[in-house]
Amino acid sequence: MIWESGRRINVKVLTSILVLVSVLLFGCGGIPNTESVFIPYVLEFIKDTKVDKERPLNTSISFKSLEGATVGKCNPITNEIVIDPMYWFRVATKLEKRALIYHEMMHCVQFVSHKKGKLKDGCPRSIMNPILPGNRCIKKHEKSYIEDLRDLCK
């Protein structure tokens, strides 16, 4: 049993509830070969872009050390994404992590290529820019970045 705020919570009951919620959200198979840390970002991606959930839920996402400045990589043929753990755990903010997952999911799920270009303030015009926007740009242009992704999904 776990004690919290003076109340006892039965671990078996809590575990059963979590398993039930997981099955309802992901079906019996879950998200195959995807590290649990990525699951909330995948669910946000589906909600924000309004893509059909089947392909994102069948995309494998894992950690792998990558060379140079590459922080994420998608293989659309195998439907696998790899994320550099050093970037994820030591560098990226929550917004930058979300932008990275969205960027790679667009490559794997929608087969979208990079979109180059900058806005007047120097920020990338899209999350699909080869160089991901930083925290400042994401905060400033988050709504237009999401709208851009939705347009690319049509």
Protein backbone atom coordinates (compact mmCIF):
# COMPACT_ATOMS: atom_id res chain seq x y z
CA MET A 1 0.00 0.00 0.00
CA ILE A 2 1.09 3.55 -0.68
CA TRP A 3 0.34 6.39 1.70
CA GLU A 4 -0.44 9.78 0.26
CA SER A 5 -2.04 12.77 1.98
CA GLY A 6 -3.18 10.56 4.83
CA ARG A 7 -5.02 8.16 2.53
CA ARG A 8 -4.09 4.60 1.68
CA ILE A 9 -4.00 3.64 -1.97
CA ASN A 10 -3.99 -0.04 -2.75
CA VAL A 11 -1.17 -0.70 -5.23
CA LYS A 12 -3.08 -3.59 -6.86
CA VAL A 13 -6.12 -1.38 -7.46
CA LEU A 14 -3.94 1.44 -8.80
CA THR A 15 -2.08 -0.97 -11.11
CA SER A 16 -5.36 -2.44 -12.38
CA ILE A 17 -6.68 1.04 -13.16
CA LEU A 18 -3.49 1.94 -15.07
CA VAL A 19 -3.61 -1.29 -17.09
CA LEU A 20 -7.28 -0.71 -17.94
CA VAL A 21 -6.63 2.88 -19.05
CA SER A 22 -3.66 1.73 -21.17
CA VAL A 23 -5.72 -0.98 -22.88
CA LEU A 24 -8.53 1.50 -23.57
CA LEU A 25 -6.09 4.04 -25.02
CA PHE A 26 -3.81 1.75 -26.99
CA GLY A 27 -5.66 -1.55 -27.42
CA CYS A 28 -4.08 -4.80 -26.36
CA GLY A 29 -0.90 -4.22 -28.36
CA GLY A 30 0.08 -0.83 -26.95
CA ILE A 31 2.48 1.19 -29.07
CA PRO A 32 4.91 -1.46 -30.29
CA ASN A 33 8.59 -0.91 -29.54
CA THR A 34 8.07 2.66 -28.33
CA GLU A 35 9.78 3.92 -25.21
CA SER A 36 7.12 5.02 -22.71
CA VAL A 37 8.63 8.52 -22.45
CA PHE A 38 7.46 9.21 -26.03
CA ILE A 39 3.84 8.04 -25.69
CA PRO A 40 2.41 11.37 -24.39
CA TYR A 41 4.02 13.18 -27.34
CA VAL A 42 2.56 10.69 -29.84
CA LEU A 43 -0.92 11.16 -28.35
CA GLU A 44 -0.50 14.97 -28.50
CA PHE A 45 0.64 14.68 -32.12
CA ILE A 46 -2.52 12.74 -33.04
CA LYS A 47 -4.72 15.29 -31.24
CA ASP A 48 -2.97 18.39 -32.62
CA THR A 49 -2.60 17.27 -36.25
CA LYS A 50 -5.85 15.31 -36.43
CA VAL A 51 -4.14 12.50 -38.39
CA ASP A 52 -5.60 9.03 -38.49
CA LYS A 53 -4.20 7.36 -35.36
CA GLU A 54 -3.36 3.98 -36.90
CA ARG A 55 0.04 4.83 -38.42
CA PRO A 56 1.33 6.96 -35.49
CA LEU A 57 0.38 4.20 -33.05
CA ASN A 58 2.34 1.72 -35.18
CA THR A 59 5.46 3.88 -35.34
CA SER A 60 8.36 2.60 -33.27
CA ILE A 61 10.30 5.28 -31.34
CA SER A 62 13.49 4.50 -29.46
CA PHE A 63 16.75 6.06 -28.29
CA LYS A 64 19.96 5.75 -30.27
CA SER A 65 23.09 7.91 -30.23
CA LEU A 66 23.24 9.87 -33.47
CA GLU A 67 26.18 11.47 -35.26
CA GLY A 68 26.88 15.20 -35.51
CA ALA A 69 24.04 17.66 -35.07
CA THR A 70 21.33 15.09 -35.89
CA VAL A 71 18.95 14.72 -32.94
CA GLY A 72 16.24 12.61 -34.54
CA LYS A 73 15.83 10.39 -37.56
CA CYS A 74 12.90 8.68 -39.25
CA ASN A 75 12.98 5.65 -41.50
CA PRO A 76 9.59 5.81 -43.29
CA ILE A 77 10.10 2.39 -44.86
CA THR A 78 10.36 0.60 -41.51
CA ASN A 79 8.23 3.22 -39.71
CA GLU A 80 10.92 3.68 -37.06
CA ILE A 81 12.12 6.85 -35.36
CA VAL A 82 15.32 7.14 -33.34
CA ILE A 83 16.02 10.01 -30.96
CA ASP A 84 19.43 10.99 -29.62
CA PRO A 85 19.33 10.43 -25.83
CA MET A 86 21.93 13.12 -25.08
CA TYR A 87 19.76 15.75 -26.76
CA TRP A 88 16.54 14.45 -25.19
CA PHE A 89 17.72 14.22 -21.60
CA ARG A 90 20.34 16.98 -21.39
CA VAL A 91 19.49 19.67 -23.91
CA ALA A 92 15.88 19.79 -25.07
CA THR A 93 13.09 21.60 -23.26
CA LYS A 94 9.62 20.06 -23.18
CA LEU A 95 8.57 22.24 -26.15
CA GLU A 96 11.67 21.24 -28.12
CA LYS A 97 11.01 17.55 -27.37
CA ARG A 98 7.47 17.90 -28.66
CA ALA A 99 8.67 19.72 -31.80
CA LEU A 100 11.22 16.95 -32.44
CA ILE A 101 8.63 14.16 -32.12
CA TYR A 102 6.15 16.08 -34.30
CA HIS A 103 8.88 16.69 -36.91
CA GLU A 104 9.91 13.03 -37.09
CA MET A 105 6.30 11.81 -36.99
CA MET A 106 5.51 14.02 -40.00
CA HIS A 107 8.36 12.33 -41.90
CA CYS A 108 7.22 8.80 -40.92
CA VAL A 109 3.44 9.21 -40.84
CA GLN A 110 2.76 11.78 -43.56
CA PHE A 111 5.98 11.37 -45.62
CA VAL A 112 6.57 15.13 -45.45
CA SER A 113 9.97 16.49 -46.52
CA HIS A 114 11.79 19.41 -44.95
CA LYS A 115 10.42 22.92 -45.47
CA LYS A 116 13.08 25.60 -45.53
CA GLY A 117 12.53 29.27 -44.88
CA LYS A 118 12.52 31.79 -42.10
CA LEU A 119 10.00 34.25 -40.74
CA LYS A 120 10.79 37.97 -40.41
CA ASP A 121 11.98 37.45 -36.83
CA GLY A 122 14.52 34.80 -37.92
CA CYS A 123 12.50 31.83 -36.65
CA PRO A 124 11.98 28.83 -38.95
CA ARG A 125 8.63 29.08 -40.76
CA SER A 126 7.81 25.45 -39.94
CA ILE A 127 8.56 22.66 -37.50
CA MET A 128 9.52 20.80 -40.69
CA ASN A 129 12.58 23.03 -41.14
CA PRO A 130 15.80 20.95 -41.32
CA ILE A 131 16.97 22.82 -38.20
CA LEU A 132 14.31 22.62 -35.52
CA PRO A 133 13.00 25.84 -34.00
CA GLY A 134 14.26 26.61 -30.52
CA ASN A 135 12.20 27.23 -27.41
CA ARG A 136 11.79 30.98 -28.08
CA CYS A 137 10.45 30.42 -31.59
CA ILE A 138 8.16 27.58 -30.54
CA LYS A 139 6.62 29.71 -27.79
CA LYS A 140 6.15 32.62 -30.19
CA HIS A 141 4.81 30.66 -33.19
CA GLU A 142 3.34 27.50 -31.65
CA LYS A 143 -0.15 28.07 -33.03
CA SER A 144 1.03 28.70 -36.61
CA TYR A 145 3.43 25.73 -36.44
CA ILE A 146 0.54 23.41 -35.48
CA GLU A 147 -1.71 24.91 -38.19
CA ASP A 148 1.08 24.32 -40.72
CA LEU A 149 1.30 20.65 -39.70
CA ARG A 150 -2.48 20.26 -39.99
CA ASP A 151 -2.34 21.74 -43.50
CA LEU A 152 0.42 19.28 -44.43
CA CYS A 153 -1.76 16.41 -43.18
CA LYS A 154 -4.67 17.23 -45.53
